[in-house]
Amino acid sequence: QVQLVESGGGLVQAGGSLRLSCEASGRTFNTYDMGWFRQAPGKNREFVASISWSGGRVVYADSVKGRFTISTDNAKNTVYLQMNSLKPEDTAVYFCAADRSPFSRWSGRINYWGKGTLVTVSS
């Protein structure tokens, strides 16, 4: 029903920036809200940010507020996560997600996942 493909991960030094992209497809993708989770080894999958396709509903985790920005390009069916002032503790696999509104902060309730893209922030 919904397919999600992330890109843009990589290696960056602390204080640097990176932009992740998530291209959504499928016949019902635009009926879902979109968001990002992240997961470090041995850790639970953690909510990062979410957004409606209209941009009217945006939520950030406290840990990234003021540093990360989530946005959409509806013409490209793409969701972005602009990550600034990166810290080593931001190192994780970042997963794009689609969920019925309201977007859940609990990973177990998410409807669709991308395969993830690795972000590594060096000290």
N, C-alpha and C. Protein backbone atom coordinates (compact mmCIF):
# COMPACT_ATOMS: atom_id res chain seq x y z
N GLN A 1 0.83 -1.20 0.00
CA GLN A 1 0.00 0.00 0.00
C GLN A 1 0.87 1.26 0.00
N VAL A 2 1.91 1.27 0.85
CA VAL A 2 2.81 2.40 0.95
C VAL A 2 4.24 1.88 0.95
N GLN A 3 5.06 2.45 0.09
CA GLN A 3 6.47 2.14 0.04
C GLN A 3 7.27 3.40 0.34
N LEU A 4 8.32 3.25 1.14
CA LEU A 4 9.13 4.38 1.57
C LEU A 4 10.59 4.06 1.33
N VAL A 5 11.30 4.99 0.72
CA VAL A 5 12.71 4.80 0.41
C VAL A 5 13.49 6.01 0.92
N GLU A 6 14.38 5.77 1.89
CA GLU A 6 15.19 6.83 2.45
C GLU A 6 16.50 6.97 1.70
N SER A 7 17.07 8.16 1.78
CA SER A 7 18.40 8.41 1.25
C SER A 7 18.99 9.60 1.99
N GLY A 8 20.28 9.80 1.83
CA GLY A 8 20.94 10.98 2.37
C GLY A 8 21.79 10.75 3.60
N GLY A 9 21.78 9.55 4.14
CA GLY A 9 22.61 9.27 5.29
C GLY A 9 24.09 9.29 4.93
N GLY A 10 24.92 9.35 5.94
CA GLY A 10 26.35 9.37 5.72
C GLY A 10 27.10 9.73 6.98
N LEU A 11 28.37 10.06 6.80
CA LEU A 11 29.26 10.42 7.90
C LEU A 11 29.44 11.93 7.93
N VAL A 12 29.29 12.51 9.11
CA VAL A 12 29.44 13.94 9.28
C VAL A 12 30.08 14.20 10.63
N GLN A 13 30.84 15.27 10.72
CA GLN A 13 31.46 15.64 11.99
C GLN A 13 30.47 16.37 12.88
N ALA A 14 30.69 16.28 14.18
CA ALA A 14 29.85 16.99 15.13
C ALA A 14 29.77 18.47 14.78
N GLY A 15 28.55 19.01 14.86
CA GLY A 15 28.31 20.38 14.48
C GLY A 15 27.91 20.56 13.03
N GLY A 16 28.05 19.52 12.25
CA GLY A 16 27.72 19.58 10.84
C GLY A 16 26.25 19.35 10.57
N SER A 17 25.93 19.27 9.29
CA SER A 17 24.55 19.15 8.84
C SER A 17 24.40 18.03 7.83
N LEU A 18 23.20 17.51 7.75
CA LEU A 18 22.87 16.46 6.80
C LEU A 18 21.38 16.56 6.52
N ARG A 19 20.98 16.25 5.29
CA ARG A 19 19.56 16.23 4.96
C ARG A 19 19.17 14.85 4.46
N LEU A 20 18.19 14.26 5.13
CA LEU A 20 17.65 12.98 4.74
C LEU A 20 16.41 13.19 3.88
N SER A 21 16.21 12.27 2.94
CA SER A 21 15.04 12.31 2.08
C SER A 21 14.29 10.99 2.19
N CYS A 22 12.99 11.05 2.04
CA CYS A 22 12.14 9.87 2.02
C CYS A 22 11.13 10.03 0.91
N GLU A 23 11.24 9.20 -0.11
CA GLU A 23 10.28 9.22 -1.20
C GLU A 23 9.19 8.20 -0.93
N ALA A 24 7.95 8.64 -0.97
CA ALA A 24 6.80 7.79 -0.69
C ALA A 24 6.09 7.45 -1.98
N SER A 25 5.55 6.23 -2.04
CA SER A 25 4.78 5.81 -3.19
C SER A 25 3.72 4.81 -2.73
N GLY A 26 2.84 4.45 -3.66
CA GLY A 26 1.74 3.56 -3.33
C GLY A 26 0.42 4.30 -3.44
N ARG A 27 -0.63 3.56 -3.65
CA ARG A 27 -1.91 4.18 -3.96
C ARG A 27 -2.52 4.96 -2.81
N THR A 28 -2.12 4.67 -1.58
CA THR A 28 -2.72 5.34 -0.43
C THR A 28 -1.73 6.16 0.38
N PHE A 29 -0.53 6.40 -0.14
CA PHE A 29 0.49 7.05 0.68
C PHE A 29 0.06 8.42 1.17
N ASN A 30 -0.71 9.15 0.36
CA ASN A 30 -1.07 10.51 0.73
C ASN A 30 -2.19 10.59 1.77
N THR A 31 -2.70 9.45 2.20
CA THR A 31 -3.68 9.43 3.28
C THR A 31 -3.01 9.27 4.65
N TYR A 32 -1.70 9.14 4.68
CA TYR A 32 -0.94 8.95 5.91
C TYR A 32 -0.16 10.21 6.26
N ASP A 33 0.10 10.38 7.54
CA ASP A 33 1.09 11.34 7.99
C ASP A 33 2.46 10.68 7.92
N MET A 34 3.49 11.50 7.83
CA MET A 34 4.85 11.02 7.63
C MET A 34 5.73 11.43 8.80
N GLY A 35 6.80 10.67 8.99
CA GLY A 35 7.70 11.02 10.07
C GLY A 35 9.00 10.25 10.01
N TRP A 36 9.82 10.50 11.02
CA TRP A 36 11.12 9.88 11.14
C TRP A 36 11.31 9.32 12.54
N PHE A 37 11.86 8.12 12.60
CA PHE A 37 12.37 7.52 13.83
C PHE A 37 13.85 7.26 13.65
N ARG A 38 14.54 7.00 14.75
CA ARG A 38 15.94 6.61 14.67
C ARG A 38 16.21 5.51 15.68
N GLN A 39 17.21 4.70 15.39
CA GLN A 39 17.56 3.59 16.26
C GLN A 39 19.07 3.38 16.26
N ALA A 40 19.65 3.49 17.44
CA ALA A 40 21.05 3.17 17.65
C ALA A 40 21.16 1.72 18.09
N PRO A 41 22.33 1.09 17.88
CA PRO A 41 22.48 -0.31 18.29
C PRO A 41 22.16 -0.52 19.76
N GLY A 42 21.35 -1.53 20.04
CA GLY A 42 20.97 -1.85 21.40
C GLY A 42 19.93 -0.93 22.00
N LYS A 43 19.43 0.01 21.23
CA LYS A 43 18.44 0.96 21.72
C LYS A 43 17.09 0.73 21.06
N ASN A 44 16.04 1.21 21.72
CA ASN A 44 14.72 1.19 21.11
C ASN A 44 14.64 2.21 19.98
N ARG A 45 13.74 1.96 19.07
CA ARG A 45 13.50 2.91 18.01
C ARG A 45 12.81 4.14 18.59
N GLU A 46 13.38 5.31 18.32
CA GLU A 46 13.00 6.55 18.97
C GLU A 46 12.36 7.51 17.98
N PHE A 47 11.25 8.09 18.37
CA PHE A 47 10.58 9.10 17.56
C PHE A 47 11.44 10.33 17.40
N VAL A 48 11.47 10.89 16.20
CA VAL A 48 12.25 12.09 15.91
C VAL A 48 11.35 13.26 15.54
N ALA A 49 10.50 13.07 14.53
CA ALA A 49 9.66 14.16 14.04
C ALA A 49 8.56 13.59 13.16
N SER A 50 7.48 14.34 13.01
CA SER A 50 6.40 13.93 12.12
C SER A 50 5.77 15.15 11.48
N ILE A 51 5.06 14.92 10.38
CA ILE A 51 4.45 16.00 9.63
C ILE A 51 3.29 15.46 8.80
N SER A 52 2.26 16.27 8.63
CA SER A 52 1.22 15.96 7.67
C SER A 52 1.63 16.49 6.30
N TRP A 53 1.07 15.92 5.25
CA TRP A 53 1.42 16.37 3.91
C TRP A 53 1.07 17.83 3.68
N SER A 54 0.07 18.32 4.40
CA SER A 54 -0.29 19.73 4.30
C SER A 54 0.70 20.63 5.03
N GLY A 55 1.52 20.06 5.89
CA GLY A 55 2.42 20.84 6.71
C GLY A 55 1.78 21.46 7.93
N GLY A 56 0.50 21.19 8.14
CA GLY A 56 -0.21 21.82 9.23
C GLY A 56 -0.02 21.18 10.58
N ARG A 57 0.51 19.98 10.60
CA ARG A 57 0.73 19.27 11.86
C ARG A 57 2.18 18.81 11.90
N VAL A 58 3.00 19.47 12.70
CA VAL A 58 4.42 19.17 12.82
C VAL A 58 4.75 18.94 14.29
N VAL A 59 5.44 17.86 14.56
CA VAL A 59 5.82 17.50 15.93
C VAL A 59 7.29 17.09 15.94
N TYR A 60 8.02 17.54 16.96
CA TYR A 60 9.42 17.18 17.14
C TYR A 60 9.65 16.57 18.51
N ALA A 61 10.56 15.61 18.56
CA ALA A 61 11.05 15.16 19.84
C ALA A 61 11.86 16.27 20.50
N ASP A 62 11.81 16.33 21.82
CA ASP A 62 12.55 17.36 22.53
C ASP A 62 14.05 17.30 22.23
N SER A 63 14.57 16.12 21.99
CA SER A 63 16.00 15.95 21.77
C SER A 63 16.50 16.60 20.49
N VAL A 64 15.61 16.86 19.54
CA VAL A 64 16.03 17.44 18.26
C VAL A 64 15.42 18.80 18.00
N LYS A 65 14.54 19.25 18.86
CA LYS A 65 13.86 20.52 18.66
C LYS A 65 14.87 21.66 18.58
N GLY A 66 14.72 22.50 17.58
CA GLY A 66 15.63 23.60 17.36
C GLY A 66 16.83 23.25 16.50
N ARG A 67 17.07 21.96 16.26
CA ARG A 67 18.19 21.53 15.44
C ARG A 67 17.74 20.85 14.15
N PHE A 68 16.65 20.10 14.21
CA PHE A 68 16.15 19.37 13.05
C PHE A 68 14.89 20.04 12.53
N THR A 69 14.68 19.95 11.22
CA THR A 69 13.48 20.47 10.59
C THR A 69 12.92 19.42 9.64
N ILE A 70 11.64 19.10 9.81
CA ILE A 70 10.97 18.18 8.90
C ILE A 70 10.13 18.99 7.93
N SER A 71 10.09 18.57 6.69
CA SER A 71 9.33 19.28 5.67
C SER A 71 8.91 18.31 4.58
N THR A 72 8.03 18.77 3.69
CA THR A 72 7.58 17.95 2.57
C THR A 72 7.72 18.71 1.26
N ASP A 73 7.90 17.97 0.19
CA ASP A 73 7.77 18.47 -1.16
C ASP A 73 6.71 17.60 -1.80
N ASN A 74 5.47 18.09 -1.80
CA ASN A 74 4.36 17.27 -2.24
C ASN A 74 4.45 16.90 -3.72
N ALA A 75 5.01 17.78 -4.53
CA ALA A 75 5.16 17.50 -5.95
C ALA A 75 6.08 16.32 -6.19
N LYS A 76 7.02 16.08 -5.27
CA LYS A 76 7.96 14.98 -5.39
C LYS A 76 7.61 13.80 -4.49
N ASN A 77 6.49 13.89 -3.77
CA ASN A 77 6.09 12.85 -2.83
C ASN A 77 7.21 12.52 -1.85
N THR A 78 7.87 13.56 -1.38
CA THR A 78 9.08 13.39 -0.60
C THR A 78 9.01 14.15 0.71
N VAL A 79 9.50 13.51 1.76
CA VAL A 79 9.64 14.11 3.08
C VAL A 79 11.12 14.27 3.38
N TYR A 80 11.49 15.40 3.97
CA TYR A 80 12.87 15.68 4.29
C TYR A 80 13.06 15.82 5.79
N LEU A 81 14.26 15.52 6.22
CA LEU A 81 14.68 15.81 7.58
C LEU A 81 16.00 16.53 7.50
N GLN A 82 15.97 17.84 7.69
CA GLN A 82 17.18 18.64 7.73
C GLN A 82 17.74 18.59 9.13
N MET A 83 18.96 18.11 9.27
CA MET A 83 19.59 17.92 10.57
C MET A 83 20.78 18.85 10.67
N ASN A 84 20.70 19.79 11.59
CA ASN A 84 21.77 20.75 11.82
C ASN A 84 22.34 20.56 13.22
N SER A 85 23.52 21.13 13.45
CA SER A 85 24.17 21.05 14.76
C SER A 85 24.20 19.63 15.27
N LEU A 86 24.61 18.72 14.42
CA LEU A 86 24.58 17.31 14.77
C LEU A 86 25.54 16.98 15.91
N LYS A 87 25.12 16.05 16.73
CA LYS A 87 25.88 15.59 17.88
C LYS A 87 26.18 14.11 17.72
N PRO A 88 27.24 13.61 18.36
CA PRO A 88 27.52 12.18 18.29
C PRO A 88 26.33 11.31 18.72
N GLU A 89 25.55 11.78 19.68
CA GLU A 89 24.40 11.02 20.13
C GLU A 89 23.27 10.96 19.10
N ASP A 90 23.38 11.71 18.01
CA ASP A 90 22.44 11.59 16.91
C ASP A 90 22.75 10.40 16.00
N THR A 91 23.89 9.77 16.22
CA THR A 91 24.27 8.62 15.40
C THR A 91 23.24 7.51 15.54
N ALA A 92 22.70 7.06 14.42
CA ALA A 92 21.66 6.05 14.43
C ALA A 92 21.29 5.72 12.99
N VAL A 93 20.53 4.64 12.84
CA VAL A 93 19.83 4.40 11.59
C VAL A 93 18.53 5.18 11.65
N TYR A 94 18.30 6.00 10.66
CA TYR A 94 17.10 6.81 10.59
C TYR A 94 16.10 6.16 9.65
N PHE A 95 14.88 5.98 10.14
CA PHE A 95 13.83 5.32 9.40
C PHE A 95 12.71 6.30 9.07
N CYS A 96 12.33 6.33 7.83
CA CYS A 96 11.12 7.02 7.42
C CYS A 96 9.92 6.16 7.78
N ALA A 97 8.81 6.81 8.12
CA ALA A 97 7.63 6.08 8.55
C ALA A 97 6.36 6.77 8.06
N ALA A 98 5.32 5.97 7.87
CA ALA A 98 4.00 6.47 7.51
C ALA A 98 2.99 5.90 8.49
N ASP A 99 2.08 6.76 8.96
CA ASP A 99 1.13 6.34 9.98
C ASP A 99 -0.16 7.12 9.81
N ARG A 100 -1.27 6.49 10.20
CA ARG A 100 -2.54 7.19 10.21
C ARG A 100 -2.48 8.35 11.19
N SER A 101 -3.11 9.44 10.82
CA SER A 101 -3.16 10.60 11.70
C SER A 101 -4.01 10.32 12.93
N PRO A 102 -3.57 10.72 14.11
CA PRO A 102 -2.33 11.42 14.40
C PRO A 102 -1.14 10.48 14.42
N PHE A 103 -0.02 10.93 13.88
CA PHE A 103 1.19 10.13 13.82
C PHE A 103 1.62 9.72 15.21
N SER A 104 1.92 8.44 15.39
CA SER A 104 2.26 7.91 16.69
C SER A 104 3.73 8.10 17.02
N ARG A 105 4.01 8.42 18.29
CA ARG A 105 5.38 8.47 18.78
C ARG A 105 5.89 7.10 19.19
N TRP A 106 5.03 6.10 19.16
CA TRP A 106 5.40 4.75 19.56
C TRP A 106 5.62 3.92 18.31
N SER A 107 6.84 3.40 18.16
CA SER A 107 7.21 2.72 16.93
C SER A 107 6.34 1.51 16.63
N GLY A 108 5.84 0.84 17.68
CA GLY A 108 5.03 -0.35 17.49
C GLY A 108 3.70 -0.09 16.84
N ARG A 109 3.28 1.14 16.80
CA ARG A 109 1.99 1.50 16.21
C ARG A 109 2.12 2.03 14.79
N ILE A 110 3.33 2.18 14.28
CA ILE A 110 3.54 2.72 12.95
C ILE A 110 3.10 1.71 11.89
N ASN A 111 2.47 2.19 10.84
CA ASN A 111 1.93 1.32 9.80
C ASN A 111 2.96 0.87 8.77
N TYR A 112 3.83 1.77 8.34
CA TYR A 112 4.78 1.46 7.28
C TYR A 112 6.14 2.04 7.62
N TRP A 113 7.19 1.31 7.20
CA TRP A 113 8.57 1.71 7.45
C TRP A 113 9.38 1.66 6.17
N GLY A 114 10.33 2.58 6.06
CA GLY A 114 11.40 2.42 5.12
C GLY A 114 12.46 1.51 5.69
N LYS A 115 13.47 1.20 4.91
CA LYS A 115 14.53 0.29 5.35
C LYS A 115 15.61 0.98 6.16
N GLY A 116 15.64 2.29 6.17
CA GLY A 116 16.56 3.03 7.00
C GLY A 116 17.78 3.52 6.26
N THR A 117 18.37 4.59 6.78
CA THR A 117 19.62 5.12 6.26
C THR A 117 20.49 5.50 7.45
N LEU A 118 21.76 5.14 7.39
CA LEU A 118 22.65 5.30 8.53
C LEU A 118 23.25 6.70 8.56
N VAL A 119 23.15 7.33 9.73
CA VAL A 119 23.78 8.61 10.00
C VAL A 119 24.82 8.41 11.09
N THR A 120 26.06 8.75 10.80
CA THR A 120 27.13 8.64 11.77
C THR A 120 27.73 10.01 12.00
N VAL A 121 27.74 10.44 13.25
CA VAL A 121 28.28 11.74 13.63
C VAL A 121 29.54 11.49 14.45
N SER A 122 30.66 11.92 13.95
CA SER A 122 31.93 11.71 14.63
C SER A 122 32.21 12.84 15.60
N SER A 123 33.00 12.51 16.64
CA SER A 123 33.35 13.49 17.67
C SER A 123 34.40 14.46 17.17
